[in-house]
């Protein structure tokens, strides 16, 4: 059973930085594409960043140049470094992966990021 546990959220001022972590278990982590999604109050969940097993990355246009996704396969962990944070980045951030074999989605419980002065 895949388990994803996010950490690192909190309250930060505009222009500040946070690093989110997602620890995975129950999965061959190195073979998985990993994603970060976010959901702001009253809005739909959106894909923020993706990193493939080979290390290729993709980003939501509004976070390009500010956010960086990375992975440490030895620690079964994916990270999201968030710099130059804006109030509109306020959301619950979720870690996600999908099995290429079964198509099953796995989600973490999320970590809240609040950007406010």
N, C-alpha and C. Protein backbone atom coordinates (compact mmCIF):
# COMPACT_ATOMS: atom_id res chain seq x y z
N UNK A 1 0.85 -1.19 0.00
CA UNK A 1 0.00 0.00 0.00
C UNK A 1 0.88 1.24 0.00
N UNK A 2 0.62 2.12 -0.97
CA UNK A 2 1.42 3.33 -1.08
C UNK A 2 1.01 4.32 0.00
N UNK A 3 1.99 4.88 0.65
CA UNK A 3 1.74 5.93 1.64
C UNK A 3 2.61 7.13 1.32
N UNK A 4 1.99 8.30 1.28
CA UNK A 4 2.69 9.55 1.02
C UNK A 4 2.44 10.49 2.18
N UNK A 5 3.50 11.05 2.75
CA UNK A 5 3.37 11.93 3.90
C UNK A 5 4.10 13.23 3.61
N UNK A 6 3.32 14.33 3.54
CA UNK A 6 3.89 15.65 3.27
C UNK A 6 4.27 16.34 4.57
N UNK A 7 5.23 17.23 4.47
CA UNK A 7 5.62 18.08 5.60
C UNK A 7 6.25 19.36 5.05
N UNK A 8 6.38 20.35 5.94
CA UNK A 8 7.09 21.56 5.56
C UNK A 8 6.23 22.77 5.33
N UNK A 9 4.91 22.62 5.39
CA UNK A 9 4.05 23.77 5.19
C UNK A 9 4.10 24.71 6.38
N UNK A 10 3.46 25.87 6.21
CA UNK A 10 3.42 26.84 7.30
C UNK A 10 3.04 28.22 6.80
N UNK A 11 3.22 29.19 7.68
CA UNK A 11 2.92 30.59 7.37
C UNK A 11 4.22 31.29 6.98
N UNK A 12 4.18 31.99 5.86
CA UNK A 12 5.36 32.70 5.39
C UNK A 12 4.93 34.04 4.80
N UNK A 13 5.78 35.03 4.91
CA UNK A 13 5.48 36.35 4.35
C UNK A 13 5.68 36.35 2.83
N UNK A 14 4.99 37.22 2.13
CA UNK A 14 5.24 37.35 0.69
C UNK A 14 6.72 37.59 0.41
N UNK A 15 7.22 36.90 -0.61
CA UNK A 15 8.64 36.97 -0.94
C UNK A 15 9.49 35.93 -0.24
N UNK A 16 8.90 35.24 0.71
CA UNK A 16 9.63 34.24 1.48
C UNK A 16 9.73 32.90 0.77
N UNK A 17 10.33 31.94 1.48
CA UNK A 17 10.57 30.61 0.92
C UNK A 17 10.13 29.53 1.88
N UNK A 18 9.76 28.40 1.30
CA UNK A 18 9.46 27.19 2.05
C UNK A 18 9.94 26.00 1.22
N UNK A 19 10.27 24.90 1.91
CA UNK A 19 10.56 23.65 1.21
C UNK A 19 9.62 22.58 1.73
N UNK A 20 8.85 22.03 0.83
CA UNK A 20 7.95 20.92 1.17
C UNK A 20 8.67 19.60 0.89
N UNK A 21 8.34 18.62 1.72
CA UNK A 21 8.87 17.27 1.53
C UNK A 21 7.71 16.28 1.47
N UNK A 22 7.92 15.21 0.72
CA UNK A 22 6.94 14.13 0.66
C UNK A 22 7.70 12.82 0.75
N UNK A 23 7.49 12.10 1.85
CA UNK A 23 8.13 10.81 2.05
C UNK A 23 7.19 9.70 1.58
N UNK A 24 7.71 8.82 0.73
CA UNK A 24 6.91 7.74 0.17
C UNK A 24 7.32 6.39 0.74
N UNK A 25 6.34 5.52 0.90
CA UNK A 25 6.60 4.15 1.32
C UNK A 25 5.63 3.22 0.60
N UNK A 26 5.99 1.94 0.57
CA UNK A 26 5.12 0.96 -0.08
C UNK A 26 5.16 1.02 -1.58
N UNK A 27 6.23 1.61 -2.12
CA UNK A 27 6.32 1.80 -3.57
C UNK A 27 7.78 1.75 -3.98
N UNK A 28 8.02 1.30 -5.21
CA UNK A 28 9.38 1.38 -5.75
C UNK A 28 9.56 2.81 -6.22
N UNK A 29 10.00 3.65 -5.32
CA UNK A 29 9.98 5.10 -5.51
C UNK A 29 10.74 5.52 -6.76
N UNK A 30 11.89 4.93 -6.98
CA UNK A 30 12.75 5.39 -8.08
C UNK A 30 12.09 5.21 -9.45
N UNK A 31 11.09 4.37 -9.55
CA UNK A 31 10.43 4.13 -10.83
C UNK A 31 9.22 5.01 -11.07
N UNK A 32 8.86 5.80 -10.08
CA UNK A 32 7.61 6.56 -10.13
C UNK A 32 7.81 8.00 -10.56
N UNK A 33 6.88 8.47 -11.41
CA UNK A 33 6.71 9.90 -11.59
C UNK A 33 6.00 10.43 -10.36
N UNK A 34 6.49 11.55 -9.84
CA UNK A 34 5.91 12.16 -8.64
C UNK A 34 5.44 13.57 -8.96
N UNK A 35 4.34 13.95 -8.34
CA UNK A 35 3.75 15.26 -8.61
C UNK A 35 3.45 16.00 -7.30
N UNK A 36 3.41 17.31 -7.43
CA UNK A 36 2.85 18.18 -6.39
C UNK A 36 1.63 18.88 -7.00
N UNK A 37 0.51 18.79 -6.29
CA UNK A 37 -0.71 19.51 -6.64
C UNK A 37 -0.98 20.51 -5.51
N UNK A 38 -1.86 21.45 -5.79
CA UNK A 38 -2.34 22.34 -4.74
C UNK A 38 -3.81 22.66 -4.94
N UNK A 39 -4.46 22.98 -3.84
CA UNK A 39 -5.86 23.38 -3.90
C UNK A 39 -6.08 24.56 -2.98
N UNK A 40 -6.44 25.69 -3.58
CA UNK A 40 -6.74 26.89 -2.82
C UNK A 40 -8.21 26.88 -2.43
N UNK A 41 -8.57 27.62 -1.40
CA UNK A 41 -9.97 27.66 -0.97
C UNK A 41 -10.89 28.07 -2.11
N UNK A 42 -11.93 27.29 -2.33
CA UNK A 42 -12.91 27.61 -3.35
C UNK A 42 -12.47 27.34 -4.78
N UNK A 43 -11.30 26.73 -4.93
CA UNK A 43 -10.78 26.46 -6.28
C UNK A 43 -10.54 24.97 -6.47
N UNK A 44 -10.40 24.58 -7.75
CA UNK A 44 -10.11 23.19 -8.05
C UNK A 44 -8.63 22.89 -7.81
N UNK A 45 -8.37 21.62 -7.57
CA UNK A 45 -6.98 21.19 -7.40
C UNK A 45 -6.25 21.33 -8.73
N UNK A 46 -5.00 21.84 -8.67
CA UNK A 46 -4.23 22.02 -9.89
C UNK A 46 -2.84 21.42 -9.74
N UNK A 47 -2.32 20.95 -10.87
CA UNK A 47 -0.99 20.36 -10.90
C UNK A 47 0.06 21.47 -10.89
N UNK A 48 0.96 21.40 -9.94
CA UNK A 48 1.98 22.43 -9.76
C UNK A 48 3.31 22.03 -10.41
N UNK A 49 3.74 20.81 -10.15
CA UNK A 49 5.05 20.37 -10.65
C UNK A 49 5.09 18.85 -10.72
N UNK A 50 5.89 18.37 -11.69
CA UNK A 50 6.05 16.93 -11.92
C UNK A 50 7.52 16.62 -12.10
N UNK A 51 7.94 15.48 -11.57
CA UNK A 51 9.29 14.99 -11.84
C UNK A 51 9.19 13.51 -12.19
N UNK A 52 9.78 13.15 -13.33
CA UNK A 52 9.73 11.76 -13.78
C UNK A 52 10.81 10.93 -13.09
N UNK A 53 10.78 9.63 -13.33
CA UNK A 53 11.80 8.76 -12.76
C UNK A 53 13.19 9.12 -13.29
N UNK A 54 13.23 9.67 -14.48
CA UNK A 54 14.50 10.07 -15.07
C UNK A 54 14.96 11.46 -14.69
N UNK A 55 14.12 12.17 -13.95
CA UNK A 55 14.50 13.50 -13.47
C UNK A 55 13.99 14.66 -14.31
N UNK A 56 13.22 14.38 -15.35
CA UNK A 56 12.63 15.47 -16.13
C UNK A 56 11.54 16.15 -15.32
N UNK A 57 11.43 17.46 -15.50
CA UNK A 57 10.49 18.23 -14.70
C UNK A 57 9.57 19.07 -15.57
N UNK A 58 8.40 19.36 -15.03
CA UNK A 58 7.45 20.28 -15.65
C UNK A 58 6.77 21.09 -14.56
N UNK A 59 6.40 22.33 -14.91
CA UNK A 59 5.83 23.24 -13.93
C UNK A 59 4.60 23.96 -14.46
N UNK A 60 3.71 24.30 -13.54
CA UNK A 60 2.63 25.23 -13.82
C UNK A 60 3.26 26.57 -14.21
N UNK A 61 2.68 27.22 -15.23
CA UNK A 61 3.29 28.46 -15.72
C UNK A 61 3.50 29.49 -14.61
N UNK A 62 2.55 29.59 -13.71
CA UNK A 62 2.61 30.66 -12.71
C UNK A 62 3.70 30.43 -11.65
N UNK A 63 4.29 29.23 -11.61
CA UNK A 63 5.35 28.97 -10.63
C UNK A 63 6.72 28.79 -11.27
N UNK A 64 6.78 28.81 -12.60
CA UNK A 64 8.07 28.65 -13.29
C UNK A 64 9.04 29.73 -12.86
N UNK A 65 10.26 29.32 -12.57
CA UNK A 65 11.29 30.24 -12.13
C UNK A 65 11.26 30.53 -10.64
N UNK A 66 10.21 30.08 -9.95
CA UNK A 66 10.10 30.30 -8.50
C UNK A 66 10.13 28.99 -7.72
N UNK A 67 9.55 27.95 -8.28
CA UNK A 67 9.47 26.65 -7.60
C UNK A 67 10.40 25.66 -8.29
N UNK A 68 10.96 24.75 -7.50
CA UNK A 68 11.81 23.69 -8.04
C UNK A 68 11.43 22.36 -7.40
N UNK A 69 11.11 21.38 -8.24
CA UNK A 69 10.84 20.04 -7.75
C UNK A 69 12.09 19.20 -7.89
N UNK A 70 12.35 18.37 -6.90
CA UNK A 70 13.52 17.49 -6.94
C UNK A 70 13.19 16.21 -6.18
N UNK A 71 14.06 15.23 -6.33
CA UNK A 71 13.82 13.95 -5.66
C UNK A 71 15.13 13.37 -5.15
N UNK A 72 15.03 12.60 -4.07
CA UNK A 72 16.15 11.86 -3.53
C UNK A 72 15.70 10.41 -3.43
N UNK A 73 16.11 9.60 -4.40
CA UNK A 73 15.65 8.22 -4.44
C UNK A 73 16.19 7.39 -3.28
N UNK A 74 17.32 7.78 -2.73
CA UNK A 74 17.87 7.06 -1.58
C UNK A 74 17.01 7.26 -0.34
N UNK A 75 16.31 8.38 -0.30
CA UNK A 75 15.45 8.69 0.86
C UNK A 75 13.97 8.52 0.55
N UNK A 76 13.65 8.07 -0.67
CA UNK A 76 12.25 7.92 -1.08
C UNK A 76 11.46 9.21 -0.84
N UNK A 77 12.05 10.33 -1.19
CA UNK A 77 11.46 11.62 -0.88
C UNK A 77 11.50 12.53 -2.10
N UNK A 78 10.41 13.27 -2.28
CA UNK A 78 10.34 14.31 -3.30
C UNK A 78 10.15 15.64 -2.59
N UNK A 79 10.76 16.67 -3.14
CA UNK A 79 10.76 18.00 -2.53
C UNK A 79 10.14 19.02 -3.47
N UNK A 80 9.65 20.09 -2.87
CA UNK A 80 9.22 21.25 -3.64
C UNK A 80 9.79 22.49 -2.95
N UNK A 81 10.81 23.05 -3.56
CA UNK A 81 11.40 24.30 -3.05
C UNK A 81 10.61 25.46 -3.64
N UNK A 82 10.05 26.28 -2.77
CA UNK A 82 9.20 27.38 -3.20
C UNK A 82 9.84 28.70 -2.76
N UNK A 83 10.22 29.52 -3.73
CA UNK A 83 10.83 30.82 -3.46
C UNK A 83 9.91 31.93 -3.97
N UNK A 84 10.18 33.14 -3.53
CA UNK A 84 9.42 34.31 -3.97
C UNK A 84 7.92 34.05 -3.88
N UNK A 85 7.51 33.55 -2.74
CA UNK A 85 6.11 33.17 -2.55
C UNK A 85 5.19 34.38 -2.60
N UNK A 86 4.01 34.13 -3.14
CA UNK A 86 2.99 35.17 -3.31
C UNK A 86 1.72 34.75 -2.56
N UNK A 87 0.88 35.72 -2.20
CA UNK A 87 -0.37 35.35 -1.53
C UNK A 87 -1.20 34.34 -2.33
N UNK A 88 -1.13 34.43 -3.65
CA UNK A 88 -1.91 33.50 -4.48
C UNK A 88 -1.35 32.08 -4.48
N UNK A 89 -0.21 31.86 -3.85
CA UNK A 89 0.32 30.51 -3.68
C UNK A 89 -0.29 29.82 -2.46
N UNK A 90 -1.08 30.55 -1.69
CA UNK A 90 -1.72 29.98 -0.52
C UNK A 90 -2.64 28.84 -0.93
N UNK A 91 -2.42 27.67 -0.34
CA UNK A 91 -3.18 26.48 -0.71
C UNK A 91 -2.75 25.32 0.16
N UNK A 92 -3.52 24.24 0.09
CA UNK A 92 -3.05 22.96 0.61
C UNK A 92 -2.30 22.27 -0.52
N UNK A 93 -1.09 21.84 -0.24
CA UNK A 93 -0.23 21.19 -1.23
C UNK A 93 -0.23 19.69 -0.98
N UNK A 94 -0.46 18.95 -2.08
CA UNK A 94 -0.58 17.50 -2.00
C UNK A 94 0.48 16.83 -2.85
N UNK A 95 1.00 15.75 -2.33
CA UNK A 95 1.90 14.87 -3.06
C UNK A 95 1.06 13.78 -3.75
N UNK A 96 1.47 13.39 -4.95
CA UNK A 96 0.68 12.43 -5.73
C UNK A 96 1.60 11.56 -6.56
N UNK A 97 1.16 10.31 -6.76
CA UNK A 97 1.79 9.43 -7.73
C UNK A 97 0.73 8.48 -8.28
N UNK A 98 0.96 7.99 -9.47
CA UNK A 98 0.02 7.06 -10.10
C UNK A 98 0.77 5.82 -10.58
N UNK A 99 0.19 4.68 -10.32
CA UNK A 99 0.79 3.44 -10.79
C UNK A 99 0.59 3.29 -12.29
N UNK A 100 1.68 3.04 -13.01
CA UNK A 100 1.56 2.82 -14.46
C UNK A 100 0.96 1.45 -14.75
N UNK A 101 0.99 0.56 -13.78
CA UNK A 101 0.47 -0.80 -13.96
C UNK A 101 -1.03 -0.84 -13.73
N UNK A 102 -1.48 -0.28 -12.62
CA UNK A 102 -2.90 -0.36 -12.25
C UNK A 102 -3.68 0.91 -12.53
N UNK A 103 -2.97 2.01 -12.74
CA UNK A 103 -3.64 3.29 -12.91
C UNK A 103 -4.14 3.89 -11.61
N UNK A 104 -3.79 3.26 -10.49
CA UNK A 104 -4.29 3.75 -9.21
C UNK A 104 -3.54 5.00 -8.78
N UNK A 105 -4.31 5.99 -8.33
CA UNK A 105 -3.75 7.23 -7.80
C UNK A 105 -3.54 7.11 -6.30
N UNK A 106 -2.44 7.66 -5.83
CA UNK A 106 -2.15 7.74 -4.40
C UNK A 106 -1.89 9.19 -4.04
N UNK A 107 -2.50 9.62 -2.94
CA UNK A 107 -2.39 11.01 -2.48
C UNK A 107 -1.95 11.05 -1.03
N UNK A 108 -1.19 12.10 -0.70
CA UNK A 108 -0.95 12.39 0.69
C UNK A 108 -2.11 13.17 1.26
N UNK A 109 -2.03 13.47 2.56
CA UNK A 109 -3.11 14.19 3.21
C UNK A 109 -2.99 15.70 3.03
N UNK A 110 -1.84 16.15 2.56
CA UNK A 110 -1.66 17.56 2.28
C UNK A 110 -0.99 18.32 3.40
N UNK A 111 -0.37 19.43 3.01
CA UNK A 111 0.24 20.35 3.97
C UNK A 111 -0.14 21.77 3.57
N UNK A 112 -0.55 22.56 4.55
CA UNK A 112 -1.06 23.90 4.28
C UNK A 112 0.07 24.92 4.18
N UNK A 113 0.05 25.68 3.11
CA UNK A 113 0.97 26.80 2.91
C UNK A 113 0.14 28.08 2.89
N UNK A 114 0.48 28.99 3.78
CA UNK A 114 -0.21 30.28 3.84
C UNK A 114 0.81 31.39 3.63
N UNK A 115 0.57 32.22 2.62
CA UNK A 115 1.46 33.33 2.31
C UNK A 115 0.72 34.61 2.64
N UNK A 116 1.15 35.26 3.70
CA UNK A 116 0.44 36.44 4.17
C UNK A 116 1.36 37.30 5.03
N UNK A 117 1.13 38.61 4.97
CA UNK A 117 1.88 39.51 5.84
C UNK A 117 1.12 39.77 7.13
